[in-house]
Protein backbone atom coordinates (compact mmCIF):
# COMPACT_ATOMS: atom_id res chain seq x y z
CA MET A 1 86.41 100.27 99.89
CA ASP A 2 84.84 96.91 99.08
CA LEU A 3 84.67 96.80 95.28
CA GLY A 4 81.91 94.20 95.37
CA ILE A 5 83.57 91.78 92.97
CA THR A 6 84.49 88.91 95.29
CA GLY A 7 83.83 85.63 93.50
CA LYS A 8 83.84 87.15 90.02
CA GLY A 9 86.04 85.66 87.31
CA ALA A 10 88.57 87.72 85.36
CA LEU A 11 90.82 87.19 82.38
CA VAL A 12 93.79 89.53 82.24
CA LEU A 13 95.93 89.60 79.11
CA GLY A 14 99.62 90.39 79.31
CA ALA A 15 99.42 89.41 82.96
CA GLY A 16 103.01 88.21 83.06
CA GLY A 17 104.20 91.77 82.48
CA GLY A 18 104.44 94.85 84.65
CA LEU A 19 101.02 96.42 84.11
CA GLY A 20 99.13 93.19 83.51
CA GLY A 21 100.74 91.47 86.47
CA ALA A 22 99.88 94.36 88.77
CA ILE A 23 96.28 94.35 87.53
CA ALA A 24 95.93 90.58 88.01
CA LYS A 25 97.22 90.86 91.58
CA ALA A 26 94.98 93.85 92.37
CA LEU A 27 91.90 91.96 91.20
CA ALA A 28 92.94 88.85 93.12
CA ARG A 29 93.22 90.93 96.30
CA GLU A 30 89.55 91.81 95.80
CA GLY A 31 88.61 88.14 95.79
CA VAL A 32 88.44 87.74 92.02
CA ARG A 33 89.45 84.45 90.41
CA VAL A 34 92.05 85.45 87.81
CA ALA A 35 93.03 83.70 84.59
CA VAL A 36 96.54 84.95 83.83
CA GLY A 37 97.05 85.22 80.07
CA ASP A 38 100.48 85.64 78.53
CA PHE A 39 102.63 84.17 75.75
CA VAL A 40 105.64 83.74 78.06
CA GLU A 41 105.03 80.70 80.26
CA ASP A 42 107.51 81.59 83.01
CA ALA A 43 106.11 85.11 83.30
CA ALA A 44 102.51 83.89 83.55
CA ASN A 45 103.45 81.24 86.09
CA GLY A 46 105.27 83.85 88.16
CA THR A 47 102.14 85.98 88.43
CA VAL A 48 100.02 82.93 89.25
CA ALA A 49 102.46 81.88 91.98
CA ALA A 50 102.43 85.37 93.52
CA ILE A 51 98.62 85.41 93.60
CA ARG A 52 98.40 81.96 95.13
CA GLU A 53 101.04 82.76 97.74
CA ALA A 54 98.92 85.74 98.79
CA GLY A 55 95.89 83.48 99.19
CA GLY A 56 94.22 84.23 95.88
CA GLU A 57 93.00 81.97 93.10
CA ALA A 58 94.63 82.01 89.67
CA VAL A 59 95.36 79.82 86.66
CA PRO A 60 97.77 80.42 83.77
CA LEU A 61 96.72 80.67 80.13
CA ILE A 62 99.67 80.47 77.75
CA TRP A 63 98.93 81.62 74.22
CA ASP A 64 99.98 83.73 71.28
CA LEU A 65 97.26 86.34 70.82
CA ALA A 66 97.67 86.23 67.05
CA ASP A 67 96.64 82.54 67.11
CA LEU A 68 92.86 82.83 67.43
CA ALA A 69 92.36 79.06 67.33
CA ALA A 70 94.67 78.66 70.34
CA MET A 71 92.74 81.41 72.12
CA ASP A 72 89.44 79.62 71.50
CA ALA A 73 90.88 76.35 72.75
CA ALA A 74 92.12 78.01 75.95
CA LEU A 75 88.73 79.60 76.56
CA ASP A 76 87.07 76.22 75.98
CA ARG A 77 89.25 74.79 78.74
CA LEU A 78 88.32 77.62 81.08
CA GLU A 79 84.63 77.08 80.46
CA LYS A 80 84.92 73.32 81.04
CA ASP A 81 86.49 74.16 84.41
CA HIS A 82 83.42 76.35 85.17
CA TRP A 83 85.52 79.50 85.06
CA GLN A 84 83.27 82.30 83.84
CA VAL A 85 84.75 85.54 82.59
CA ASP A 86 82.96 88.49 84.18
CA ILE A 87 85.88 90.89 83.77
CA VAL A 88 88.26 90.99 80.83
CA VAL A 89 91.30 93.26 80.83
CA HIS A 90 92.95 93.64 77.46
CA ILE A 91 96.66 94.40 77.30
CA THR A 92 98.80 93.72 74.25
CA GLY A 93 102.47 94.25 73.59
CA GLY A 94 103.48 97.35 71.70
CA PRO A 95 105.17 97.47 68.30
CA PRO A 96 108.72 98.78 67.99
CA PRO A 97 109.32 102.52 67.61
CA SER A 98 108.73 103.56 64.01
CA PRO A 99 107.37 106.31 61.79
CA VAL A 100 103.82 105.86 60.55
CA SER A 101 104.81 106.22 56.90
CA GLY A 102 106.76 103.77 54.78
CA GLN A 103 105.72 100.61 56.61
CA SER A 104 105.03 97.55 54.51
CA ASP A 105 101.58 96.01 54.22
CA ASP A 106 102.89 92.92 55.99
CA VAL A 107 104.03 94.98 58.99
CA TRP A 108 100.62 96.62 59.32
CA ARG A 109 98.87 93.29 58.90
CA ASP A 110 101.06 91.47 61.43
CA HIS A 111 100.61 94.08 64.14
CA PHE A 112 96.88 94.41 63.50
CA ASN A 113 96.59 90.65 63.90
CA SER A 114 98.42 90.72 67.23
CA MET A 115 97.18 94.01 68.74
CA VAL A 116 93.64 94.65 67.48
CA LEU A 117 91.91 91.58 66.07
CA PRO A 118 92.52 89.35 69.13
CA ILE A 119 90.93 91.96 71.42
CA ILE A 120 87.79 92.09 69.29
CA HIS A 121 87.68 88.30 68.89
CA LEU A 122 88.12 87.61 72.59
CA THR A 123 85.49 90.14 73.58
CA ASP A 124 82.96 88.67 71.18
CA ARG A 125 83.69 85.28 72.69
CA VAL A 126 83.02 86.27 76.33
CA LEU A 127 80.22 88.79 75.75
CA PRO A 128 77.33 86.29 75.47
CA GLY A 129 78.05 85.00 78.98
CA MET A 130 78.27 88.54 80.39
CA LYS A 131 74.97 89.49 78.77
CA ALA A 132 73.28 86.33 80.03
CA ARG A 133 74.39 87.13 83.59
CA GLY A 134 73.48 90.81 83.23
CA TRP A 135 76.93 91.99 84.36
CA GLY A 136 80.35 92.43 82.81
CA ARG A 137 83.39 94.66 82.54
CA ILE A 138 85.47 95.09 79.37
CA ILE A 139 88.58 97.15 80.08
CA THR A 140 91.17 97.87 77.41
CA SER A 141 94.59 99.24 78.28
CA THR A 142 96.11 101.15 75.37
CA SER A 143 98.53 104.09 75.25
CA SER A 144 98.50 107.84 75.67
CA GLY A 145 99.15 107.90 71.92
CA VAL A 146 95.41 107.44 71.32
CA VAL A 147 94.85 110.87 72.88
CA THR A 148 98.00 112.69 71.78
CA PRO A 149 100.04 110.78 69.17
CA ILE A 150 103.57 110.02 70.36
CA PRO A 151 106.40 110.85 67.95
CA ASN A 152 108.09 107.79 66.43
CA LEU A 153 105.40 105.42 67.70
CA GLY A 154 103.41 105.56 64.48
CA LEU A 155 102.25 101.95 64.40
CA SER A 156 101.14 102.07 68.02
CA ASN A 157 99.31 105.40 67.63
CA ALA A 158 97.34 104.20 64.63
CA LEU A 159 96.48 100.66 65.67
CA ARG A 160 95.62 101.44 69.28
CA SER A 161 93.36 104.27 68.09
CA ALA A 162 91.26 101.64 66.34
CA LEU A 163 90.53 100.15 69.76
CA LEU A 164 89.45 103.56 71.02
CA GLY A 165 86.68 103.77 68.42
CA TRP A 166 85.77 100.11 68.93
CA SER A 167 85.44 100.44 72.72
CA LYS A 168 83.35 103.60 72.54
CA THR A 169 80.97 102.01 70.06
CA LEU A 170 80.81 98.79 72.07
CA ALA A 171 79.86 100.66 75.25
CA ARG A 172 76.64 101.89 73.66
CA GLU A 173 75.81 98.45 72.29
CA VAL A 174 76.26 96.50 75.52
CA GLY A 175 75.18 99.07 78.11
CA PRO A 176 71.57 97.84 78.27
CA SER A 177 72.89 94.38 79.23
CA GLY A 178 74.70 95.59 82.35
CA VAL A 179 78.11 95.45 80.66
CA THR A 180 80.52 98.40 80.62
CA ALA A 181 83.38 99.05 78.21
CA ASN A 182 86.17 101.48 79.00
CA LEU A 183 89.68 102.37 77.90
CA VAL A 184 92.53 103.05 80.32
CA VAL A 185 95.47 105.09 79.10
CA PRO A 186 98.81 104.89 80.89
CA GLY A 187 101.25 107.71 80.81
CA ARG A 188 104.82 106.75 81.66
CA VAL A 189 104.55 103.94 84.14
CA ALA A 190 107.75 102.25 85.34
CA THR A 191 107.71 99.00 83.35
CA LYS A 192 110.09 97.18 81.04
CA ARG A 193 108.30 98.79 78.08
CA ILE A 194 109.17 102.30 79.30
CA THR A 195 112.76 101.25 79.94
CA PHE A 196 112.92 99.86 76.40
CA LEU A 197 111.54 103.08 74.90
CA ASP A 198 113.98 105.24 76.87
CA GLU A 199 116.88 103.05 75.77
CA ALA A 200 115.74 103.10 72.15
CA LYS A 201 115.51 106.90 72.18
CA ALA A 202 118.94 107.20 73.77
CA GLU A 203 120.47 104.97 71.10
CA ARG A 204 118.63 106.76 68.29
CA GLU A 205 119.79 110.19 69.47
CA GLY A 206 123.26 109.18 70.66
CA ARG A 207 122.55 110.23 74.25
CA ASP A 208 122.99 108.76 77.72
CA VAL A 209 119.87 106.86 78.75
CA ASN A 210 119.88 108.53 82.18
CA ASP A 211 119.62 111.93 80.51
CA VAL A 212 116.73 110.69 78.35
CA THR A 213 114.92 109.36 81.41
CA ALA A 214 115.49 112.56 83.37
CA GLU A 215 114.15 114.61 80.47
CA SER A 216 111.10 112.34 80.27
CA VAL A 217 110.40 112.60 83.99
CA SER A 218 110.72 116.38 83.89
CA SER A 219 107.78 116.55 81.45
CA ILE A 220 105.43 114.85 83.92
CA PRO A 221 103.66 117.27 86.30
CA VAL A 222 103.92 114.92 89.30
CA GLY A 223 107.67 114.62 88.63
CA ARG A 224 108.06 110.86 88.43
CA TYR A 225 107.11 107.73 86.53
CA GLY A 226 103.99 106.00 87.72
CA ASP A 227 103.94 102.82 89.78
CA PRO A 228 102.22 99.79 88.17
CA ASP A 229 100.18 99.34 91.34
CA GLU A 230 98.73 102.84 90.90
CA TYR A 231 97.62 101.94 87.40
CA ALA A 232 96.22 98.62 88.60
CA ALA A 233 94.14 100.36 91.28
CA ALA A 234 92.41 102.47 88.62
CA VAL A 235 91.65 99.39 86.54
CA ALA A 236 90.32 97.52 89.58
CA PHE A 237 87.94 100.38 90.31
CA LEU A 238 86.59 100.29 86.74
CA ALA A 239 85.94 96.59 87.31
CA SER A 240 84.00 97.31 90.49
CA VAL A 241 80.29 97.35 91.18
CA GLN A 242 80.60 101.04 92.09
CA ALA A 243 81.80 101.84 88.56
CA GLY A 244 78.63 100.54 86.93
CA TYR A 245 77.71 104.02 85.63
CA ILE A 246 81.13 104.60 84.04
CA THR A 247 81.21 103.38 80.46
CA GLY A 248 82.41 104.56 77.07
CA THR A 249 85.13 106.62 78.71
CA THR A 250 88.89 106.91 78.44
CA LEU A 251 90.57 107.12 81.82
CA ARG A 252 94.01 108.72 81.88
CA VAL A 253 96.43 107.45 84.50
CA ASP A 254 99.31 109.63 83.48
CA GLY A 255 100.44 111.93 86.28
CA GLY A 256 99.12 114.86 84.26
CA LEU A 257 101.41 114.13 81.30
CA ILE A 258 98.91 114.29 78.42
CA PRO A 259 98.68 117.98 77.47
CA SER A 260 95.26 118.01 75.81
CA ILE A 261 91.98 118.66 77.61
């Protein structure tokens, strides 16, 4: 299927990581020019190199999402290079495992400033251009915890849920301008984040990590962890011309894991 987005410009956050890197490469395969955003320079450059080697077009953007001034400066540079952002894919790192109670105000503030505020700020920055062109895609990757809260991921459940309400509200506001806004929710996709969470649970419970992983996999109806490329394919479709009537939704890419309807 031709997704109809050849020549569009995209900005993918967290694109040096497993999910973000897969999404950046999937969009590049569709002929999209991709700005690869990440705070780890080597990781971002690795994704850029892979895209270019495959014949795609990509540039790195190295920034700390909590530094809004640095974000604005990077976007200024993109605009000066005539790189419009038609598609933005938001991915942020997750906080460490923790209960939701007993966290200090500083912890809440720090994670809000790195996980929530930058997403809102960046979107507000690129929206005027999308509206002027009458086309845009705002896609936010969160966590299955926004649908069914995950035990011991209290900070993540709460803060990512703020983005759920924001995205749903935004979809109604920008729909008349030809812009869609959707959330994508991963289940357990084989990335470094999932490995970290399995290892943390094993250490917390005094168990072998292989047993923890096997237990986790057994709870997934399809019987395995997802592949980042499978997740990226779903995101690429939401970015497509064909998905123009899909907005304000939360797409689960979870192998059937999330138990709620």
